[in-house]
Amino acid sequence: MLILSRKSGESIVIDGRIKLTIIRIEGEAVKVGIEAPVEVPVHRQEVYEEIQRSNQQAITRHRVSLPKFAVAVPQKIIGKSVSPAAQKS
């Protein structure tokens, strides 16, 4: 883990695309502003962990079998009539 000291108004740049700015320090709480591209998801850690937990549950849930339906065979294929005998093969 990299540990950096920053004062209010100072920033940290990550990968040239993400900028973290210390907005305000209030007692033990630090307000941080984050500028990141739209395609980079940014979450509080507890929210991120809940998303990961929900995704894992969705993957591991038992899938319900759906009923199978018979497929109707078209009477015409590309404008040509198909005889009932040819449909069965």
Foldseek 3Di string as FASTA:
>chain_A
DDDDDDDAQDWDDDPNFKIWGFHDDDPPDTDIDIGHDPVDDDDDPVVVVVVVVVVVCVVPDDDDDDDDDDDDDDQDDPRDGDDPVNVVD
